[in-house]
Amino acid sequence: MNTRHATLERQPGRDGAYLSAADTRARALPRPRRLARRRIAVNLTKWLLPLLALALLTSIAVWPEFQNAAEHARMAVQGLSGQIEGGQL
């Protein structure tokens, strides 16, 4: 048995009385407008978070293609400038 856990059990005031005090408090019920806003937020989050995750995964998968396209464009511009310089000579 853990000695730290055993010392917590023996300390006065650690008998869980704070839990019974919390149970006696009356909670105010949420208003219908607040419940509606919460429901909208939860439903929106259920759709937006997976879509955001899918977008991030897609961007990770497609990123090498963007790198290849940029490299091909750079080579095309260099080749084009070489043709123009060759025409002027």
C-alpha atoms as a PDB file:
ATOM      1  CA  MET A   1       0.000   0.000   0.000  1.00  0.00           C
ATOM      2  CA  ASN A   2       1.248   3.476  -0.827  1.00  0.00           C
ATOM      3  CA  THR A   3       2.382   5.384   2.281  1.00  0.00           C
ATOM      4  CA  ARG A   4       1.249   8.706   0.872  1.00  0.00           C
ATOM      5  CA  HIS A   5      -2.226   7.320   0.276  1.00  0.00           C
ATOM      6  CA  ALA A   6      -2.322   5.896   3.803  1.00  0.00           C
ATOM      7  CA  THR A   7      -1.409   9.258   5.351  1.00  0.00           C
ATOM      8  CA  LEU A   8      -4.183  10.994   3.429  1.00  0.00           C
ATOM      9  CA  GLU A   9      -6.707   8.545   4.804  1.00  0.00           C
ATOM     10  CA  ARG A  10      -5.681   9.241   8.389  1.00  0.00           C
ATOM     11  CA  GLN A  11      -5.783  13.030   8.209  1.00  0.00           C
ATOM     12  CA  PRO A  12      -8.738  14.687   9.936  1.00  0.00           C
ATOM     13  CA  GLY A  13     -11.160  16.453   7.656  1.00  0.00           C
ATOM     14  CA  ARG A  14     -10.506  14.077   4.761  1.00  0.00           C
ATOM     15  CA  ASP A  15     -13.621  11.996   5.269  1.00  0.00           C
ATOM     16  CA  GLY A  16     -15.447  13.187   2.139  1.00  0.00           C
ATOM     17  CA  ALA A  17     -17.659  15.670   3.986  1.00  0.00           C
ATOM     18  CA  TYR A  18     -17.032  18.227   1.257  1.00  0.00           C
ATOM     19  CA  LEU A  19     -18.864  15.943  -1.171  1.00  0.00           C
ATOM     20  CA  SER A  20     -22.001  15.853   0.943  1.00  0.00           C
ATOM     21  CA  ALA A  21     -22.002  19.671   1.174  1.00  0.00           C
ATOM     22  CA  ALA A  22     -21.839  19.942  -2.607  1.00  0.00           C
ATOM     23  CA  ASP A  23     -24.780  17.584  -2.982  1.00  0.00           C
ATOM     24  CA  THR A  24     -27.066  19.775  -0.852  1.00  0.00           C
ATOM     25  CA  ARG A  25     -26.652  22.879  -3.019  1.00  0.00           C
ATOM     26  CA  ALA A  26     -29.482  23.515  -5.434  1.00  0.00           C
ATOM     27  CA  ARG A  27     -28.415  24.126  -9.022  1.00  0.00           C
ATOM     28  CA  ALA A  28     -30.327  26.480 -11.236  1.00  0.00           C
ATOM     29  CA  LEU A  29     -31.677  24.809 -14.357  1.00  0.00           C
ATOM     30  CA  PRO A  30     -30.305  26.129 -17.636  1.00  0.00           C
ATOM     31  CA  ARG A  31     -32.654  28.324 -19.572  1.00  0.00           C
ATOM     32  CA  PRO A  32     -34.066  27.052 -22.889  1.00  0.00           C
ATOM     33  CA  ARG A  33     -32.182  29.676 -24.902  1.00  0.00           C
ATOM     34  CA  ARG A  34     -28.903  28.649 -23.304  1.00  0.00           C
ATOM     35  CA  LEU A  35     -29.666  24.977 -23.955  1.00  0.00           C
ATOM     36  CA  ALA A  36     -30.413  25.788 -27.590  1.00  0.00           C
ATOM     37  CA  ARG A  37     -27.100  27.632 -27.964  1.00  0.00           C
ATOM     38  CA  ARG A  38     -25.254  24.752 -26.352  1.00  0.00           C
ATOM     39  CA  ARG A  39     -26.979  22.242 -28.621  1.00  0.00           C
ATOM     40  CA  ILE A  40     -26.059  24.295 -31.695  1.00  0.00           C
ATOM     41  CA  ALA A  41     -22.458  24.606 -30.526  1.00  0.00           C
ATOM     42  CA  VAL A  42     -22.157  20.871 -29.891  1.00  0.00           C
ATOM     43  CA  ASN A  43     -23.714  19.924 -33.227  1.00  0.00           C
ATOM     44  CA  LEU A  44     -21.559  22.448 -35.089  1.00  0.00           C
ATOM     45  CA  THR A  45     -18.463  21.123 -33.351  1.00  0.00           C
ATOM     46  CA  LYS A  46     -19.391  17.547 -34.259  1.00  0.00           C
ATOM     47  CA  TRP A  47     -19.215  18.523 -37.920  1.00  0.00           C
ATOM     48  CA  LEU A  48     -16.466  21.147 -37.969  1.00  0.00           C
ATOM     49  CA  LEU A  49     -13.776  19.306 -36.032  1.00  0.00           C
ATOM     50  CA  PRO A  50     -13.807  16.189 -38.248  1.00  0.00           C
ATOM     51  CA  LEU A  51     -13.871  18.392 -41.361  1.00  0.00           C
ATOM     52  CA  LEU A  52     -10.908  20.365 -40.057  1.00  0.00           C
ATOM     53  CA  ALA A  53      -9.053  17.129 -39.308  1.00  0.00           C
ATOM     54  CA  LEU A  54      -9.805  15.847 -42.810  1.00  0.00           C
ATOM     55  CA  ALA A  55      -8.574  19.106 -44.334  1.00  0.00           C
ATOM     56  CA  LEU A  56      -5.323  18.901 -42.368  1.00  0.00           C
ATOM     57  CA  LEU A  57      -4.747  15.265 -43.328  1.00  0.00           C
ATOM     58  CA  THR A  58      -5.477  16.079 -46.965  1.00  0.00           C
ATOM     59  CA  SER A  59      -3.024  18.968 -46.932  1.00  0.00           C
ATOM     60  CA  ILE A  60      -0.360  16.671 -45.482  1.00  0.00           C
ATOM     61  CA  ALA A  61      -1.024  14.101 -48.210  1.00  0.00           C
ATOM     62  CA  VAL A  62      -1.034  16.669 -51.040  1.00  0.00           C
ATOM     63  CA  TRP A  63       1.927  18.740 -49.813  1.00  0.00           C
ATOM     64  CA  PRO A  64       4.566  16.772 -51.794  1.00  0.00           C
ATOM     65  CA  GLU A  65       2.583  17.437 -54.968  1.00  0.00           C
ATOM     66  CA  PHE A  66       2.716  21.172 -54.238  1.00  0.00           C
ATOM     67  CA  GLN A  67       6.479  20.886 -53.781  1.00  0.00           C
ATOM     68  CA  ASN A  68       6.826  19.043 -57.116  1.00  0.00           C
ATOM     69  CA  ALA A  69       4.667  21.613 -58.909  1.00  0.00           C
ATOM     70  CA  ALA A  70       6.751  24.453 -57.516  1.00  0.00           C
ATOM     71  CA  GLU A  71       9.946  22.727 -58.620  1.00  0.00           C
ATOM     72  CA  HIS A  72       8.574  22.156 -62.133  1.00  0.00           C
ATOM     73  CA  ALA A  73       7.501  25.785 -62.366  1.00  0.00           C
ATOM     74  CA  ARG A  74      10.947  26.944 -61.256  1.00  0.00           C
ATOM     75  CA  MET A  75      12.609  24.769 -63.898  1.00  0.00           C
ATOM     76  CA  ALA A  76      10.202  26.029 -66.577  1.00  0.00           C
ATOM     77  CA  VAL A  77      10.979  29.651 -65.747  1.00  0.00           C
ATOM     78  CA  GLN A  78      14.718  28.960 -65.840  1.00  0.00           C
ATOM     79  CA  GLY A  79      14.350  27.205 -69.181  1.00  0.00           C
ATOM     80  CA  LEU A  80      12.291  30.082 -70.538  1.00  0.00           C
ATOM     81  CA  SER A  81      14.885  32.646 -69.484  1.00  0.00           C
ATOM     82  CA  GLY A  82      17.595  30.482 -71.097  1.00  0.00           C
ATOM     83  CA  GLN A  83      15.681  30.501 -74.391  1.00  0.00           C
ATOM     84  CA  ILE A  84      15.246  34.260 -74.298  1.00  0.00           C
ATOM     85  CA  GLU A  85      18.956  34.820 -73.590  1.00  0.00           C
ATOM     86  CA  GLY A  86      19.836  32.362 -76.341  1.00  0.00           C
ATOM     87  CA  GLY A  87      17.646  34.294 -78.801  1.00  0.00           C
ATOM     88  CA  GLN A  88      19.377  37.577 -77.983  1.00  0.00           C
ATOM     89  CA  LEU A  89      22.865  36.229 -78.559  1.00  0.00           C
END
